[in-house]
Amino acid sequence: MTDRALAVAAWESLFRAQHEIFAEISVDFVATELSQSEYDVLLTVTRAPNMTARLRDVTALMLVSQPSVSRLVDRMVARGLVTKQVDPQDGRGALVAATAAGASAFRQLASTHASTVAARMAVLSDDELAQLLALTARLRERDAAARPAPTQR
């Protein structure tokens, strides 16, 4: 059986580390073309085949509600960062695709952001980073099992 006090202490430490690191790396988004939320949408979309993802898959990977993601995507459409159309395989769903302008803005910021993240995470060795990745994946397994898998396009 898991030691309850140790579990709580580990959770608090993980939460505080995430919060502190997130605050530090958020400076990458100050005075840039993309907000952090827009970057997150483009991260998912640009990694998908043909830079097109189902809106529900974008929503599943973000930490905000579906209506909030829908409004965000609509604002991004108005800014010319993405397009949105009805999913021909599921008329109730939508496909979100990065435009050339959106992909370019993402790539410009992604390079800087990856450097910031790597620099902040450099306090850990590569072995420790691999352990952290494996441990956080295990912590997320329960959520992943409850969620439908993202569909590939």
N, C-alpha and C. Protein backbone atom coordinates (compact mmCIF):
# COMPACT_ATOMS: atom_id res chain seq x y z
N MET A 1 0.84 -1.18 0.00
CA MET A 1 0.00 0.00 0.00
C MET A 1 0.88 1.24 0.00
N THR A 2 0.46 2.25 -0.74
CA THR A 2 1.21 3.49 -0.86
C THR A 2 1.19 4.27 0.45
N ASP A 3 2.33 4.81 0.82
CA ASP A 3 2.45 5.67 1.99
C ASP A 3 1.72 6.98 1.68
N ARG A 4 0.64 7.23 2.39
CA ARG A 4 -0.21 8.39 2.11
C ARG A 4 0.54 9.71 2.25
N ALA A 5 1.30 9.88 3.31
CA ALA A 5 2.04 11.13 3.52
C ALA A 5 3.07 11.35 2.43
N LEU A 6 3.75 10.27 2.03
CA LEU A 6 4.73 10.36 0.95
C LEU A 6 4.04 10.71 -0.37
N ALA A 7 2.90 10.12 -0.62
CA ALA A 7 2.14 10.40 -1.85
C ALA A 7 1.74 11.87 -1.90
N VAL A 8 1.25 12.40 -0.79
CA VAL A 8 0.84 13.81 -0.74
C VAL A 8 2.06 14.71 -0.91
N ALA A 9 3.16 14.40 -0.26
CA ALA A 9 4.37 15.22 -0.39
C ALA A 9 4.89 15.20 -1.82
N ALA A 10 4.87 14.03 -2.46
CA ALA A 10 5.33 13.92 -3.85
C ALA A 10 4.41 14.72 -4.77
N TRP A 11 3.10 14.63 -4.55
CA TRP A 11 2.15 15.39 -5.37
C TRP A 11 2.38 16.88 -5.21
N GLU A 12 2.52 17.35 -3.97
CA GLU A 12 2.74 18.77 -3.73
C GLU A 12 4.02 19.25 -4.39
N SER A 13 5.07 18.45 -4.33
CA SER A 13 6.34 18.82 -4.95
C SER A 13 6.20 18.87 -6.47
N LEU A 14 5.53 17.89 -7.05
CA LEU A 14 5.30 17.87 -8.49
C LEU A 14 4.48 19.09 -8.92
N PHE A 15 3.42 19.38 -8.19
CA PHE A 15 2.56 20.51 -8.50
C PHE A 15 3.33 21.83 -8.42
N ARG A 16 4.10 22.00 -7.34
CA ARG A 16 4.86 23.24 -7.18
C ARG A 16 5.94 23.39 -8.24
N ALA A 17 6.62 22.30 -8.57
CA ALA A 17 7.64 22.36 -9.62
C ALA A 17 7.01 22.74 -10.95
N GLN A 18 5.88 22.13 -11.28
CA GLN A 18 5.20 22.44 -12.53
C GLN A 18 4.78 23.91 -12.56
N HIS A 19 4.24 24.38 -11.47
CA HIS A 19 3.77 25.76 -11.39
C HIS A 19 4.94 26.74 -11.55
N GLU A 20 6.04 26.49 -10.84
CA GLU A 20 7.20 27.38 -10.91
C GLU A 20 7.85 27.36 -12.30
N ILE A 21 8.01 26.18 -12.87
CA ILE A 21 8.62 26.07 -14.20
C ILE A 21 7.71 26.73 -15.24
N PHE A 22 6.42 26.49 -15.14
CA PHE A 22 5.47 27.08 -16.08
C PHE A 22 5.56 28.60 -16.05
N ALA A 23 5.66 29.17 -14.87
CA ALA A 23 5.77 30.62 -14.75
C ALA A 23 7.06 31.13 -15.41
N GLU A 24 8.14 30.38 -15.23
CA GLU A 24 9.43 30.79 -15.82
C GLU A 24 9.41 30.72 -17.34
N ILE A 25 8.85 29.67 -17.89
CA ILE A 25 8.90 29.51 -19.34
C ILE A 25 7.81 30.31 -20.05
N SER A 26 6.87 30.84 -19.30
CA SER A 26 5.81 31.65 -19.89
C SER A 26 6.32 32.97 -20.45
N VAL A 27 7.51 33.39 -20.06
CA VAL A 27 8.06 34.64 -20.57
C VAL A 27 8.25 34.59 -22.08
N ASP A 28 8.36 33.38 -22.64
CA ASP A 28 8.52 33.24 -24.09
C ASP A 28 7.34 33.82 -24.87
N PHE A 29 6.19 33.96 -24.21
CA PHE A 29 4.97 34.37 -24.90
C PHE A 29 4.66 35.86 -24.73
N VAL A 30 5.50 36.56 -23.98
CA VAL A 30 5.31 38.00 -23.79
C VAL A 30 5.75 38.71 -25.07
N ALA A 31 4.91 39.58 -25.56
CA ALA A 31 5.21 40.39 -26.75
C ALA A 31 5.50 39.53 -27.98
N THR A 32 4.76 38.43 -28.12
CA THR A 32 4.88 37.61 -29.34
C THR A 32 3.54 37.59 -30.05
N GLU A 33 3.55 37.07 -31.24
CA GLU A 33 2.34 37.01 -32.05
C GLU A 33 1.32 36.02 -31.50
N LEU A 34 1.79 34.99 -30.78
CA LEU A 34 0.92 33.93 -30.30
C LEU A 34 0.80 33.95 -28.78
N SER A 35 -0.43 33.69 -28.31
CA SER A 35 -0.61 33.46 -26.88
C SER A 35 -0.21 32.02 -26.59
N GLN A 36 -0.08 31.70 -25.31
CA GLN A 36 0.28 30.34 -24.93
C GLN A 36 -0.80 29.35 -25.39
N SER A 37 -2.06 29.73 -25.30
CA SER A 37 -3.15 28.85 -25.73
C SER A 37 -3.13 28.64 -27.24
N GLU A 38 -2.87 29.69 -27.99
CA GLU A 38 -2.77 29.57 -29.44
C GLU A 38 -1.59 28.66 -29.82
N TYR A 39 -0.49 28.82 -29.11
CA TYR A 39 0.67 27.97 -29.33
C TYR A 39 0.29 26.50 -29.11
N ASP A 40 -0.46 26.23 -28.03
CA ASP A 40 -0.87 24.86 -27.73
C ASP A 40 -1.73 24.27 -28.84
N VAL A 41 -2.65 25.06 -29.38
CA VAL A 41 -3.47 24.60 -30.50
C VAL A 41 -2.57 24.28 -31.69
N LEU A 42 -1.68 25.19 -32.02
CA LEU A 42 -0.81 24.99 -33.18
C LEU A 42 0.18 23.84 -32.96
N LEU A 43 0.57 23.60 -31.72
CA LEU A 43 1.44 22.47 -31.42
C LEU A 43 0.75 21.17 -31.83
N THR A 44 -0.49 21.01 -31.45
CA THR A 44 -1.24 19.80 -31.81
C THR A 44 -1.49 19.73 -33.31
N VAL A 45 -1.92 20.82 -33.90
CA VAL A 45 -2.29 20.83 -35.31
C VAL A 45 -1.07 20.61 -36.20
N THR A 46 0.05 21.28 -35.91
CA THR A 46 1.22 21.16 -36.78
C THR A 46 1.87 19.78 -36.68
N ARG A 47 1.66 19.08 -35.59
CA ARG A 47 2.21 17.72 -35.44
C ARG A 47 1.35 16.66 -36.12
N ALA A 48 0.13 17.01 -36.46
CA ALA A 48 -0.79 16.05 -37.10
C ALA A 48 -0.47 15.93 -38.59
N PRO A 49 -0.82 14.80 -39.18
CA PRO A 49 -0.61 14.66 -40.63
C PRO A 49 -1.30 15.78 -41.40
N ASN A 50 -0.61 16.32 -42.38
CA ASN A 50 -1.12 17.42 -43.19
C ASN A 50 -1.46 18.66 -42.36
N MET A 51 -0.87 18.76 -41.17
CA MET A 51 -1.12 19.88 -40.25
C MET A 51 -2.62 20.11 -40.05
N THR A 52 -3.36 19.00 -39.93
CA THR A 52 -4.81 19.04 -39.75
C THR A 52 -5.19 18.06 -38.64
N ALA A 53 -5.95 18.54 -37.68
CA ALA A 53 -6.39 17.69 -36.57
C ALA A 53 -7.87 17.90 -36.31
N ARG A 54 -8.50 16.90 -35.77
CA ARG A 54 -9.91 17.05 -35.36
C ARG A 54 -9.96 17.98 -34.15
N LEU A 55 -10.98 18.82 -34.13
CA LEU A 55 -11.15 19.75 -33.02
C LEU A 55 -11.23 19.00 -31.70
N ARG A 56 -11.89 17.87 -31.67
CA ARG A 56 -12.01 17.11 -30.42
C ARG A 56 -10.65 16.61 -29.94
N ASP A 57 -9.72 16.33 -30.87
CA ASP A 57 -8.38 15.91 -30.47
C ASP A 57 -7.59 17.08 -29.91
N VAL A 58 -7.77 18.26 -30.48
CA VAL A 58 -7.13 19.47 -29.95
C VAL A 58 -7.66 19.71 -28.53
N THR A 59 -8.95 19.62 -28.36
CA THR A 59 -9.58 19.85 -27.07
C THR A 59 -9.08 18.85 -26.03
N ALA A 60 -8.95 17.58 -26.42
CA ALA A 60 -8.51 16.54 -25.48
C ALA A 60 -7.12 16.80 -24.93
N LEU A 61 -6.29 17.49 -25.69
CA LEU A 61 -4.92 17.73 -25.25
C LEU A 61 -4.74 19.05 -24.51
N MET A 62 -5.78 19.86 -24.48
CA MET A 62 -5.68 21.14 -23.78
C MET A 62 -6.32 21.03 -22.41
N LEU A 63 -5.97 21.93 -21.54
CA LEU A 63 -6.47 21.87 -20.16
C LEU A 63 -7.59 22.86 -19.91
N VAL A 64 -8.39 23.13 -20.94
CA VAL A 64 -9.54 24.02 -20.82
C VAL A 64 -10.75 23.34 -21.42
N SER A 65 -11.91 23.90 -21.18
CA SER A 65 -13.16 23.28 -21.62
C SER A 65 -13.33 23.33 -23.14
N GLN A 66 -14.17 22.45 -23.64
CA GLN A 66 -14.45 22.39 -25.07
C GLN A 66 -14.99 23.71 -25.60
N PRO A 67 -15.94 24.36 -24.93
CA PRO A 67 -16.41 25.65 -25.45
C PRO A 67 -15.29 26.70 -25.52
N SER A 68 -14.38 26.69 -24.54
CA SER A 68 -13.27 27.64 -24.56
C SER A 68 -12.35 27.38 -25.74
N VAL A 69 -12.08 26.10 -26.03
CA VAL A 69 -11.22 25.75 -27.17
C VAL A 69 -11.90 26.16 -28.47
N SER A 70 -13.20 25.92 -28.57
CA SER A 70 -13.94 26.30 -29.79
C SER A 70 -13.87 27.81 -30.02
N ARG A 71 -14.04 28.60 -28.97
CA ARG A 71 -13.95 30.06 -29.11
C ARG A 71 -12.53 30.48 -29.49
N LEU A 72 -11.54 29.85 -28.88
CA LEU A 72 -10.15 30.15 -29.20
C LEU A 72 -9.86 29.85 -30.66
N VAL A 73 -10.29 28.69 -31.13
CA VAL A 73 -10.06 28.32 -32.53
C VAL A 73 -10.77 29.30 -33.46
N ASP A 74 -11.99 29.71 -33.11
CA ASP A 74 -12.70 30.69 -33.94
C ASP A 74 -11.93 32.02 -34.02
N ARG A 75 -11.33 32.44 -32.90
CA ARG A 75 -10.51 33.67 -32.91
C ARG A 75 -9.27 33.46 -33.78
N MET A 76 -8.70 32.27 -33.73
CA MET A 76 -7.51 31.98 -34.54
C MET A 76 -7.86 31.93 -36.03
N VAL A 77 -9.07 31.47 -36.36
CA VAL A 77 -9.54 31.50 -37.75
C VAL A 77 -9.62 32.95 -38.21
N ALA A 78 -10.20 33.81 -37.38
CA ALA A 78 -10.34 35.23 -37.73
C ALA A 78 -8.98 35.90 -37.92
N ARG A 79 -7.97 35.43 -37.21
CA ARG A 79 -6.62 36.00 -37.33
C ARG A 79 -5.82 35.35 -38.47
N GLY A 80 -6.38 34.34 -39.11
CA GLY A 80 -5.69 33.69 -40.22
C GLY A 80 -4.63 32.69 -39.81
N LEU A 81 -4.68 32.21 -38.57
CA LEU A 81 -3.69 31.24 -38.09
C LEU A 81 -4.08 29.81 -38.41
N VAL A 82 -5.38 29.53 -38.46
CA VAL A 82 -5.90 28.20 -38.77
C VAL A 82 -7.16 28.34 -39.61
N THR A 83 -7.53 27.23 -40.23
CA THR A 83 -8.84 27.15 -40.88
C THR A 83 -9.65 26.10 -40.13
N LYS A 84 -10.94 26.18 -40.28
CA LYS A 84 -11.84 25.23 -39.60
C LYS A 84 -12.91 24.85 -40.59
N GLN A 85 -13.13 23.55 -40.73
CA GLN A 85 -14.18 23.09 -41.64
C GLN A 85 -14.86 21.86 -41.06
N VAL A 86 -16.00 21.53 -41.61
CA VAL A 86 -16.72 20.34 -41.16
C VAL A 86 -15.90 19.11 -41.51
N ASP A 87 -15.83 18.18 -40.58
CA ASP A 87 -15.13 16.91 -40.81
C ASP A 87 -15.98 16.06 -41.75
N PRO A 88 -15.49 15.74 -42.95
CA PRO A 88 -16.29 14.97 -43.89
C PRO A 88 -16.60 13.56 -43.40
N GLN A 89 -15.80 13.04 -42.44
CA GLN A 89 -16.05 11.70 -41.90
C GLN A 89 -16.98 11.72 -40.70
N ASP A 90 -17.21 12.91 -40.14
CA ASP A 90 -18.08 13.06 -38.98
C ASP A 90 -18.69 14.45 -39.04
N GLY A 91 -19.86 14.55 -39.61
CA GLY A 91 -20.50 15.84 -39.84
C GLY A 91 -20.70 16.67 -38.59
N ARG A 92 -20.64 16.05 -37.42
CA ARG A 92 -20.80 16.80 -36.17
C ARG A 92 -19.49 17.41 -35.72
N GLY A 93 -18.38 16.92 -36.26
CA GLY A 93 -17.07 17.38 -35.83
C GLY A 93 -16.48 18.40 -36.78
N ALA A 94 -15.34 18.91 -36.40
CA ALA A 94 -14.65 19.90 -37.23
C ALA A 94 -13.18 19.53 -37.35
N LEU A 95 -12.61 19.94 -38.47
CA LEU A 95 -11.17 19.80 -38.70
C LEU A 95 -10.53 21.17 -38.59
N VAL A 96 -9.39 21.21 -37.94
CA VAL A 96 -8.64 22.44 -37.77
C VAL A 96 -7.31 22.24 -38.48
N ALA A 97 -6.96 23.17 -39.37
CA ALA A 97 -5.71 23.07 -40.12
C ALA A 97 -4.92 24.34 -39.94
N ALA A 98 -3.61 24.20 -39.81
CA ALA A 98 -2.73 25.36 -39.71
C ALA A 98 -2.61 26.01 -41.08
N THR A 99 -2.69 27.32 -41.11
CA THR A 99 -2.41 28.06 -42.35
C THR A 99 -0.89 28.24 -42.44
N ALA A 100 -0.42 28.72 -43.57
CA ALA A 100 1.02 29.00 -43.71
C ALA A 100 1.45 30.02 -42.65
N ALA A 101 0.63 31.03 -42.43
CA ALA A 101 0.96 32.06 -41.44
C ALA A 101 0.99 31.46 -40.03
N GLY A 102 0.03 30.61 -39.72
CA GLY A 102 -0.01 29.98 -38.39
C GLY A 102 1.18 29.05 -38.17
N ALA A 103 1.50 28.25 -39.18
CA ALA A 103 2.64 27.33 -39.06
C ALA A 103 3.94 28.11 -38.91
N SER A 104 4.07 29.21 -39.65
CA SER A 104 5.28 30.03 -39.56
C SER A 104 5.42 30.66 -38.18
N ALA A 105 4.34 31.22 -37.67
CA ALA A 105 4.36 31.83 -36.33
C ALA A 105 4.70 30.79 -35.28
N PHE A 106 4.14 29.60 -35.43
CA PHE A 106 4.42 28.52 -34.49
C PHE A 106 5.90 28.14 -34.54
N ARG A 107 6.44 27.93 -35.73
CA ARG A 107 7.84 27.52 -35.87
C ARG A 107 8.79 28.55 -35.27
N GLN A 108 8.51 29.82 -35.49
CA GLN A 108 9.37 30.88 -34.95
C GLN A 108 9.40 30.84 -33.42
N LEU A 109 8.24 30.69 -32.81
CA LEU A 109 8.16 30.67 -31.36
C LEU A 109 8.63 29.33 -30.80
N ALA A 110 8.37 28.23 -31.50
CA ALA A 110 8.72 26.89 -31.01
C ALA A 110 10.22 26.75 -30.78
N SER A 111 11.01 27.33 -31.65
CA SER A 111 12.46 27.23 -31.51
C SER A 111 12.93 27.91 -30.22
N THR A 112 12.45 29.11 -29.98
CA THR A 112 12.79 29.84 -28.76
C THR A 112 12.28 29.11 -27.53
N HIS A 113 11.02 28.66 -27.60
CA HIS A 113 10.40 28.01 -26.45
C HIS A 113 11.11 26.70 -26.12
N ALA A 114 11.47 25.92 -27.12
CA ALA A 114 12.18 24.66 -26.87
C ALA A 114 13.52 24.92 -26.19
N SER A 115 14.19 25.98 -26.59
CA SER A 115 15.47 26.34 -25.96
C SER A 115 15.27 26.73 -24.50
N THR A 116 14.22 27.49 -24.22
CA THR A 116 13.91 27.89 -22.85
C THR A 116 13.59 26.68 -21.99
N VAL A 117 12.76 25.79 -22.51
CA VAL A 117 12.39 24.58 -21.77
C VAL A 117 13.63 23.72 -21.52
N ALA A 118 14.44 23.50 -22.55
CA ALA A 118 15.63 22.67 -22.40
C ALA A 118 16.59 23.27 -21.37
N ALA A 119 16.75 24.59 -21.40
CA ALA A 119 17.64 25.24 -20.44
C ALA A 119 17.12 25.06 -19.02
N ARG A 120 15.82 25.20 -18.83
CA ARG A 120 15.24 25.06 -17.49
C ARG A 120 15.33 23.62 -17.00
N MET A 121 15.16 22.67 -17.89
CA MET A 121 15.19 21.26 -17.52
C MET A 121 16.61 20.71 -17.41
N ALA A 122 17.62 21.53 -17.76
CA ALA A 122 19.01 21.08 -17.74
C ALA A 122 19.53 20.79 -16.33
N VAL A 123 18.78 21.13 -15.30
CA VAL A 123 19.19 20.76 -13.95
C VAL A 123 19.12 19.25 -13.76
N LEU A 124 18.42 18.57 -14.66
CA LEU A 124 18.32 17.11 -14.63
C LEU A 124 19.22 16.51 -15.71
N SER A 125 19.78 15.35 -15.43
CA SER A 125 20.58 14.64 -16.43
C SER A 125 19.63 14.01 -17.46
N ASP A 126 20.19 13.55 -18.56
CA ASP A 126 19.36 12.87 -19.55
C ASP A 126 18.69 11.63 -18.96
N ASP A 127 19.39 10.90 -18.10
CA ASP A 127 18.79 9.73 -17.45
C ASP A 127 17.63 10.15 -16.55
N GLU A 128 17.82 11.25 -15.82
CA GLU A 128 16.74 11.73 -14.95
C GLU A 128 15.55 12.23 -15.77
N LEU A 129 15.82 12.89 -16.88
CA LEU A 129 14.73 13.33 -17.75
C LEU A 129 13.95 12.13 -18.29
N ALA A 130 14.66 11.08 -18.68
CA ALA A 130 13.99 9.86 -19.16
C ALA A 130 13.15 9.25 -18.04
N GLN A 131 13.66 9.24 -16.82
CA GLN A 131 12.89 8.73 -15.68
C GLN A 131 11.66 9.59 -15.43
N LEU A 132 11.83 10.91 -15.49
CA LEU A 132 10.70 11.81 -15.29
C LEU A 132 9.63 11.57 -16.35
N LEU A 133 10.05 11.42 -17.59
CA LEU A 133 9.11 11.15 -18.67
C LEU A 133 8.36 9.85 -18.42
N ALA A 134 9.07 8.81 -18.03
CA ALA A 134 8.42 7.52 -17.76
C ALA A 134 7.46 7.62 -16.57
N LEU A 135 7.87 8.32 -15.52
CA LEU A 135 7.02 8.45 -14.33
C LEU A 135 5.76 9.25 -14.62
N THR A 136 5.90 10.36 -15.33
CA THR A 136 4.71 11.17 -15.62
C THR A 136 3.79 10.43 -16.60
N ALA A 137 4.36 9.64 -17.49
CA ALA A 137 3.52 8.82 -18.38
C ALA A 137 2.71 7.81 -17.56
N ARG A 138 3.33 7.22 -16.56
CA ARG A 138 2.59 6.28 -15.70
C ARG A 138 1.48 6.98 -14.94
N LEU A 139 1.76 8.20 -14.47
CA LEU A 139 0.73 8.95 -13.75
C LEU A 139 -0.45 9.29 -14.65
N ARG A 140 -0.18 9.45 -15.95
CA ARG A 140 -1.23 9.82 -16.90
C ARG A 140 -1.96 8.62 -17.48
N GLU A 141 -1.50 7.40 -17.23
CA GLU A 141 -2.11 6.21 -17.83
C GLU A 141 -3.60 6.09 -17.53
N ARG A 142 -4.00 6.37 -16.33
CA ARG A 142 -5.41 6.24 -15.96
C ARG A 142 -6.27 7.18 -16.80
N ASP A 143 -5.80 8.44 -16.96
CA ASP A 143 -6.52 9.41 -17.78
C ASP A 143 -6.57 8.96 -19.23
N ALA A 144 -5.45 8.45 -19.72
CA ALA A 144 -5.39 8.02 -21.13
C ALA A 144 -6.35 6.86 -21.38
N ALA A 145 -6.48 5.96 -20.42
CA ALA A 145 -7.37 4.81 -20.58
C ALA A 145 -8.83 5.25 -20.62
N ALA A 146 -9.15 6.33 -19.92
CA ALA A 146 -10.53 6.81 -19.86
C ALA A 146 -10.91 7.66 -21.07
N ARG A 147 -9.90 8.17 -21.78
CA ARG A 147 -10.13 9.06 -22.93
C ARG A 147 -10.06 8.27 -24.23
N PRO A 148 -10.90 8.60 -25.20
CA PRO A 148 -10.72 7.96 -26.51
C PRO A 148 -9.41 8.42 -27.13
N ALA A 149 -8.75 7.51 -27.81
CA ALA A 149 -7.47 7.84 -28.46
C ALA A 149 -7.70 8.86 -29.58
N PRO A 150 -6.77 9.83 -29.71
CA PRO A 150 -6.89 10.77 -30.84
C PRO A 150 -6.83 10.01 -32.15
N THR A 151 -7.62 10.46 -33.08
CA THR A 151 -7.66 9.82 -34.40
C THR A 151 -6.65 10.49 -35.31
N GLN A 152 -5.99 9.68 -36.12
CA GLN A 152 -5.01 10.21 -37.06
C GLN A 152 -5.70 10.51 -38.37
N ARG A 153 -5.25 11.54 -39.03
CA ARG A 153 -5.78 11.92 -40.33
C ARG A 153 -4.72 11.72 -41.36
